């Protein structure tokens, strides 16, 4: 598990309308998270970036994303734990999750 918690990355969380489609990006590599946000915008979605695992499931409940991009190696709670938390909650288990990770 990653122990260093990066700084938050600016995203669209303050500019989301009820009709917007949202992608939740759970990624602690801030440069990659920014690239994913840019790609999300190019596809017509708003993006919310979460840099630590323990904040992912609450963000999924709050922002009700169309999909989640989930890294495995995260600080505080790893991606497998996040996936379990999301998929065992009836309010979030329907959300598609794309797992992505790289081993260093």
N, C-alpha and C. Protein backbone atom coordinates (compact mmCIF):
# COMPACT_ATOMS: atom_id res chain seq x y z
N UNK A 1 0.84 -1.17 0.00
CA UNK A 1 0.00 0.00 0.00
C UNK A 1 0.88 1.24 0.00
N UNK A 2 0.47 2.26 -0.72
CA UNK A 2 1.16 3.53 -0.79
C UNK A 2 0.91 4.28 0.51
N UNK A 3 1.94 4.91 1.06
CA UNK A 3 1.77 5.62 2.33
C UNK A 3 1.75 7.14 2.17
N UNK A 4 2.35 7.66 1.11
CA UNK A 4 2.38 9.10 0.91
C UNK A 4 1.08 9.57 0.26
N UNK A 5 0.46 10.58 0.86
CA UNK A 5 -0.80 11.11 0.32
C UNK A 5 -0.48 12.37 -0.48
N UNK A 6 -0.78 12.35 -1.79
CA UNK A 6 -0.49 13.53 -2.61
C UNK A 6 -1.50 14.65 -2.37
N UNK A 7 -1.17 15.82 -2.85
CA UNK A 7 -2.08 16.96 -2.77
C UNK A 7 -3.28 16.70 -3.68
N UNK A 8 -4.43 17.25 -3.32
CA UNK A 8 -5.61 17.14 -4.16
C UNK A 8 -5.36 17.80 -5.51
N UNK A 9 -6.03 17.28 -6.53
CA UNK A 9 -5.90 17.79 -7.89
C UNK A 9 -7.18 18.56 -8.23
N UNK A 10 -7.05 19.77 -8.79
CA UNK A 10 -8.26 20.51 -9.18
C UNK A 10 -9.10 19.69 -10.17
N UNK A 11 -10.41 19.70 -9.96
CA UNK A 11 -11.31 18.93 -10.81
C UNK A 11 -12.62 19.70 -10.98
N UNK A 12 -13.67 19.00 -11.36
CA UNK A 12 -14.95 19.64 -11.65
C UNK A 12 -15.95 19.60 -10.50
N UNK A 13 -15.57 19.14 -9.34
CA UNK A 13 -16.55 18.92 -8.26
C UNK A 13 -17.35 20.17 -7.89
N UNK A 14 -16.81 21.34 -8.10
CA UNK A 14 -17.54 22.58 -7.79
C UNK A 14 -18.39 23.08 -8.94
N UNK A 15 -18.40 22.35 -10.04
CA UNK A 15 -19.09 22.80 -11.25
C UNK A 15 -19.89 21.67 -11.90
N UNK A 16 -20.62 20.93 -11.09
CA UNK A 16 -21.39 19.79 -11.60
C UNK A 16 -22.88 20.10 -11.47
N UNK A 17 -23.57 20.02 -12.60
CA UNK A 17 -25.02 20.19 -12.63
C UNK A 17 -25.69 18.82 -12.54
N UNK A 18 -26.95 18.76 -12.12
CA UNK A 18 -27.64 17.47 -12.01
C UNK A 18 -27.70 16.68 -13.32
N UNK A 19 -27.63 17.35 -14.46
CA UNK A 19 -27.69 16.66 -15.74
C UNK A 19 -26.33 16.22 -16.26
N UNK A 20 -25.25 16.62 -15.59
CA UNK A 20 -23.90 16.26 -16.04
C UNK A 20 -23.61 14.79 -15.81
N UNK A 21 -22.88 14.19 -16.73
CA UNK A 21 -22.35 12.85 -16.55
C UNK A 21 -20.97 12.99 -15.91
N UNK A 22 -20.72 12.19 -14.88
CA UNK A 22 -19.49 12.32 -14.08
C UNK A 22 -18.70 11.02 -14.11
N UNK A 23 -17.40 11.16 -14.24
CA UNK A 23 -16.47 10.04 -14.07
C UNK A 23 -15.68 10.29 -12.78
N UNK A 24 -15.65 9.28 -11.91
CA UNK A 24 -14.85 9.36 -10.69
C UNK A 24 -13.48 8.75 -10.99
N UNK A 25 -12.44 9.56 -10.82
CA UNK A 25 -11.06 9.14 -11.09
C UNK A 25 -10.38 8.95 -9.73
N UNK A 26 -10.04 7.71 -9.40
CA UNK A 26 -9.39 7.40 -8.12
C UNK A 26 -7.95 7.03 -8.45
N UNK A 27 -7.06 8.00 -8.31
CA UNK A 27 -5.67 7.87 -8.78
C UNK A 27 -4.77 8.77 -7.95
N UNK A 28 -3.69 8.21 -7.39
CA UNK A 28 -2.77 9.02 -6.59
C UNK A 28 -1.60 9.59 -7.39
N UNK A 29 -1.40 9.15 -8.62
CA UNK A 29 -0.39 9.76 -9.50
C UNK A 29 -1.04 11.00 -10.10
N UNK A 30 -0.69 12.16 -9.57
CA UNK A 30 -1.40 13.39 -9.94
C UNK A 30 -1.26 13.75 -11.41
N UNK A 31 -0.12 13.47 -12.00
CA UNK A 31 0.05 13.76 -13.44
C UNK A 31 -0.86 12.87 -14.28
N UNK A 32 -0.94 11.59 -13.93
CA UNK A 32 -1.82 10.68 -14.65
C UNK A 32 -3.29 11.05 -14.41
N UNK A 33 -3.62 11.45 -13.18
CA UNK A 33 -4.99 11.88 -12.87
C UNK A 33 -5.39 13.08 -13.73
N UNK A 34 -4.46 14.02 -13.91
CA UNK A 34 -4.74 15.18 -14.76
C UNK A 34 -4.96 14.76 -16.21
N UNK A 35 -4.18 13.81 -16.69
CA UNK A 35 -4.34 13.31 -18.05
C UNK A 35 -5.70 12.61 -18.20
N UNK A 36 -6.10 11.84 -17.20
CA UNK A 36 -7.40 11.18 -17.23
C UNK A 36 -8.54 12.19 -17.20
N UNK A 37 -8.37 13.27 -16.44
CA UNK A 37 -9.37 14.33 -16.40
C UNK A 37 -9.52 14.99 -17.77
N UNK A 38 -8.40 15.25 -18.41
CA UNK A 38 -8.43 15.84 -19.75
C UNK A 38 -9.17 14.91 -20.73
N UNK A 39 -8.87 13.62 -20.67
CA UNK A 39 -9.53 12.65 -21.53
C UNK A 39 -11.04 12.60 -21.23
N UNK A 40 -11.38 12.66 -19.95
CA UNK A 40 -12.77 12.67 -19.52
C UNK A 40 -13.51 13.87 -20.14
N UNK A 41 -12.87 15.04 -20.09
CA UNK A 41 -13.47 16.24 -20.68
C UNK A 41 -13.66 16.09 -22.19
N UNK A 42 -12.67 15.50 -22.86
CA UNK A 42 -12.76 15.30 -24.31
C UNK A 42 -13.93 14.41 -24.68
N UNK A 43 -14.36 13.57 -23.78
CA UNK A 43 -15.47 12.65 -24.03
C UNK A 43 -16.81 13.20 -23.54
N UNK A 44 -16.80 14.45 -23.05
CA UNK A 44 -18.05 15.10 -22.65
C UNK A 44 -18.50 14.84 -21.23
N UNK A 45 -17.59 14.38 -20.38
CA UNK A 45 -17.91 14.11 -18.98
C UNK A 45 -17.26 15.15 -18.08
N UNK A 46 -17.79 15.29 -16.89
CA UNK A 46 -17.12 16.02 -15.82
C UNK A 46 -16.31 14.98 -15.05
N UNK A 47 -15.26 15.43 -14.39
CA UNK A 47 -14.42 14.50 -13.64
C UNK A 47 -14.19 14.95 -12.21
N UNK A 48 -14.21 13.97 -11.31
CA UNK A 48 -13.86 14.20 -9.90
C UNK A 48 -12.68 13.29 -9.58
N UNK A 49 -11.61 13.90 -9.09
CA UNK A 49 -10.38 13.16 -8.79
C UNK A 49 -10.26 12.94 -7.28
N UNK A 50 -10.06 11.69 -6.90
CA UNK A 50 -9.83 11.31 -5.51
C UNK A 50 -8.43 10.69 -5.45
N UNK A 51 -7.56 11.18 -4.56
CA UNK A 51 -6.17 10.73 -4.53
C UNK A 51 -5.88 9.71 -3.42
N UNK A 52 -6.90 9.33 -2.65
CA UNK A 52 -6.70 8.36 -1.58
C UNK A 52 -7.89 7.41 -1.51
N UNK A 53 -7.60 6.15 -1.23
CA UNK A 53 -8.62 5.12 -1.29
C UNK A 53 -9.78 5.27 -0.34
N UNK A 54 -9.54 5.78 0.86
CA UNK A 54 -10.61 5.86 1.84
C UNK A 54 -11.67 6.90 1.49
N UNK A 55 -11.39 7.75 0.52
CA UNK A 55 -12.35 8.78 0.11
C UNK A 55 -13.16 8.38 -1.12
N UNK A 56 -12.84 7.24 -1.73
CA UNK A 56 -13.45 6.85 -3.00
C UNK A 56 -14.92 6.46 -2.87
N UNK A 57 -15.26 5.57 -1.96
CA UNK A 57 -16.65 5.13 -1.81
C UNK A 57 -17.57 6.28 -1.40
N UNK A 58 -17.16 7.12 -0.44
CA UNK A 58 -18.01 8.28 -0.13
C UNK A 58 -18.21 9.21 -1.34
N UNK A 59 -17.17 9.36 -2.16
CA UNK A 59 -17.29 10.20 -3.36
C UNK A 59 -18.25 9.56 -4.36
N UNK A 60 -18.22 8.24 -4.46
CA UNK A 60 -19.15 7.54 -5.37
C UNK A 60 -20.59 7.77 -4.92
N UNK A 61 -20.84 7.76 -3.63
CA UNK A 61 -22.18 8.04 -3.11
C UNK A 61 -22.58 9.49 -3.36
N UNK A 62 -21.65 10.40 -3.18
CA UNK A 62 -21.95 11.82 -3.32
C UNK A 62 -22.16 12.25 -4.77
N UNK A 63 -21.27 11.81 -5.67
CA UNK A 63 -21.29 12.32 -7.05
C UNK A 63 -22.03 11.40 -8.03
N UNK A 64 -22.39 10.20 -7.60
CA UNK A 64 -23.13 9.24 -8.43
C UNK A 64 -22.56 9.18 -9.86
N UNK A 65 -21.31 8.76 -9.99
CA UNK A 65 -20.66 8.77 -11.30
C UNK A 65 -21.24 7.73 -12.26
N UNK A 66 -21.05 8.01 -13.55
CA UNK A 66 -21.43 7.05 -14.59
C UNK A 66 -20.47 5.88 -14.60
N UNK A 67 -19.22 6.12 -14.19
CA UNK A 67 -18.19 5.08 -14.13
C UNK A 67 -17.08 5.55 -13.19
N UNK A 68 -16.27 4.57 -12.79
CA UNK A 68 -15.13 4.85 -11.91
C UNK A 68 -13.87 4.30 -12.55
N UNK A 69 -12.82 5.12 -12.59
CA UNK A 69 -11.49 4.68 -13.00
C UNK A 69 -10.70 4.50 -11.71
N UNK A 70 -10.30 3.28 -11.42
CA UNK A 70 -9.76 2.94 -10.10
C UNK A 70 -8.35 2.39 -10.18
N UNK A 71 -7.42 3.07 -9.53
CA UNK A 71 -6.06 2.58 -9.37
C UNK A 71 -6.05 1.56 -8.23
N UNK A 72 -5.11 0.65 -8.26
CA UNK A 72 -5.00 -0.36 -7.20
C UNK A 72 -4.09 0.12 -6.07
N UNK A 73 -2.97 0.71 -6.42
CA UNK A 73 -2.01 1.15 -5.41
C UNK A 73 -2.36 2.57 -4.96
N UNK A 74 -3.04 2.66 -3.83
CA UNK A 74 -3.51 3.95 -3.31
C UNK A 74 -3.12 4.09 -1.85
N UNK A 75 -2.99 5.33 -1.37
CA UNK A 75 -2.75 5.51 0.06
C UNK A 75 -4.02 5.28 0.88
N UNK A 76 -3.84 4.89 2.11
CA UNK A 76 -4.85 4.67 3.15
C UNK A 76 -5.65 3.38 2.93
N UNK A 77 -6.25 3.21 1.76
CA UNK A 77 -7.03 2.01 1.44
C UNK A 77 -6.74 1.65 -0.01
N UNK A 78 -6.33 0.40 -0.28
CA UNK A 78 -5.97 0.05 -1.66
C UNK A 78 -7.20 -0.15 -2.54
N UNK A 79 -6.97 -0.22 -3.83
CA UNK A 79 -8.05 -0.33 -4.80
C UNK A 79 -8.92 -1.55 -4.64
N UNK A 80 -8.34 -2.67 -4.18
CA UNK A 80 -9.14 -3.87 -3.96
C UNK A 80 -10.15 -3.64 -2.83
N UNK A 81 -9.72 -2.96 -1.79
CA UNK A 81 -10.63 -2.64 -0.68
C UNK A 81 -11.72 -1.67 -1.14
N UNK A 82 -11.32 -0.70 -1.96
CA UNK A 82 -12.28 0.26 -2.52
C UNK A 82 -13.31 -0.48 -3.37
N UNK A 83 -12.84 -1.38 -4.23
CA UNK A 83 -13.74 -2.14 -5.09
C UNK A 83 -14.74 -2.93 -4.25
N UNK A 84 -14.26 -3.57 -3.21
CA UNK A 84 -15.15 -4.34 -2.33
C UNK A 84 -16.20 -3.43 -1.70
N UNK A 85 -15.76 -2.28 -1.24
CA UNK A 85 -16.68 -1.34 -0.59
C UNK A 85 -17.75 -0.84 -1.57
N UNK A 86 -17.34 -0.54 -2.80
CA UNK A 86 -18.28 -0.05 -3.81
C UNK A 86 -19.25 -1.15 -4.25
N UNK A 87 -18.74 -2.34 -4.47
CA UNK A 87 -19.57 -3.43 -5.02
C UNK A 87 -20.46 -4.09 -3.98
N UNK A 88 -20.19 -3.90 -2.69
CA UNK A 88 -21.07 -4.47 -1.67
C UNK A 88 -22.13 -3.49 -1.20
N UNK A 89 -22.07 -2.26 -1.68
CA UNK A 89 -23.08 -1.25 -1.32
C UNK A 89 -24.15 -1.22 -2.40
N UNK A 90 -25.41 -1.49 -2.05
CA UNK A 90 -26.48 -1.49 -3.07
C UNK A 90 -26.63 -0.16 -3.81
N UNK A 91 -26.18 0.93 -3.20
CA UNK A 91 -26.31 2.25 -3.84
C UNK A 91 -25.20 2.52 -4.86
N UNK A 92 -24.12 1.73 -4.83
CA UNK A 92 -23.01 1.98 -5.76
C UNK A 92 -22.61 0.76 -6.58
N UNK A 93 -23.13 -0.41 -6.27
CA UNK A 93 -22.65 -1.64 -6.94
C UNK A 93 -22.93 -1.67 -8.44
N UNK A 94 -23.89 -0.89 -8.92
CA UNK A 94 -24.22 -0.85 -10.34
C UNK A 94 -23.22 -0.04 -11.17
N UNK A 95 -22.36 0.73 -10.53
CA UNK A 95 -21.44 1.62 -11.24
C UNK A 95 -20.31 0.79 -11.86
N UNK A 96 -20.10 0.92 -13.18
CA UNK A 96 -18.97 0.21 -13.80
C UNK A 96 -17.64 0.74 -13.26
N UNK A 97 -16.72 -0.18 -13.00
CA UNK A 97 -15.40 0.17 -12.48
C UNK A 97 -14.34 -0.37 -13.44
N UNK A 98 -13.46 0.51 -13.89
CA UNK A 98 -12.32 0.10 -14.71
C UNK A 98 -11.09 0.18 -13.82
N UNK A 99 -10.47 -0.97 -13.58
CA UNK A 99 -9.26 -1.02 -12.74
C UNK A 99 -8.04 -0.79 -13.61
N UNK A 100 -7.15 0.04 -13.11
CA UNK A 100 -5.90 0.31 -13.81
C UNK A 100 -4.79 0.42 -12.77
N UNK A 101 -3.63 -0.09 -13.13
CA UNK A 101 -2.51 -0.01 -12.20
C UNK A 101 -1.22 -0.30 -12.92
N UNK A 102 -0.15 0.21 -12.38
CA UNK A 102 1.17 -0.15 -12.90
C UNK A 102 2.05 -0.50 -11.71
N UNK A 103 2.87 -1.50 -11.88
CA UNK A 103 3.76 -1.91 -10.81
C UNK A 103 5.08 -1.19 -10.98
N UNK A 104 5.56 -0.63 -9.88
CA UNK A 104 6.80 0.14 -9.90
C UNK A 104 7.95 -0.70 -9.46
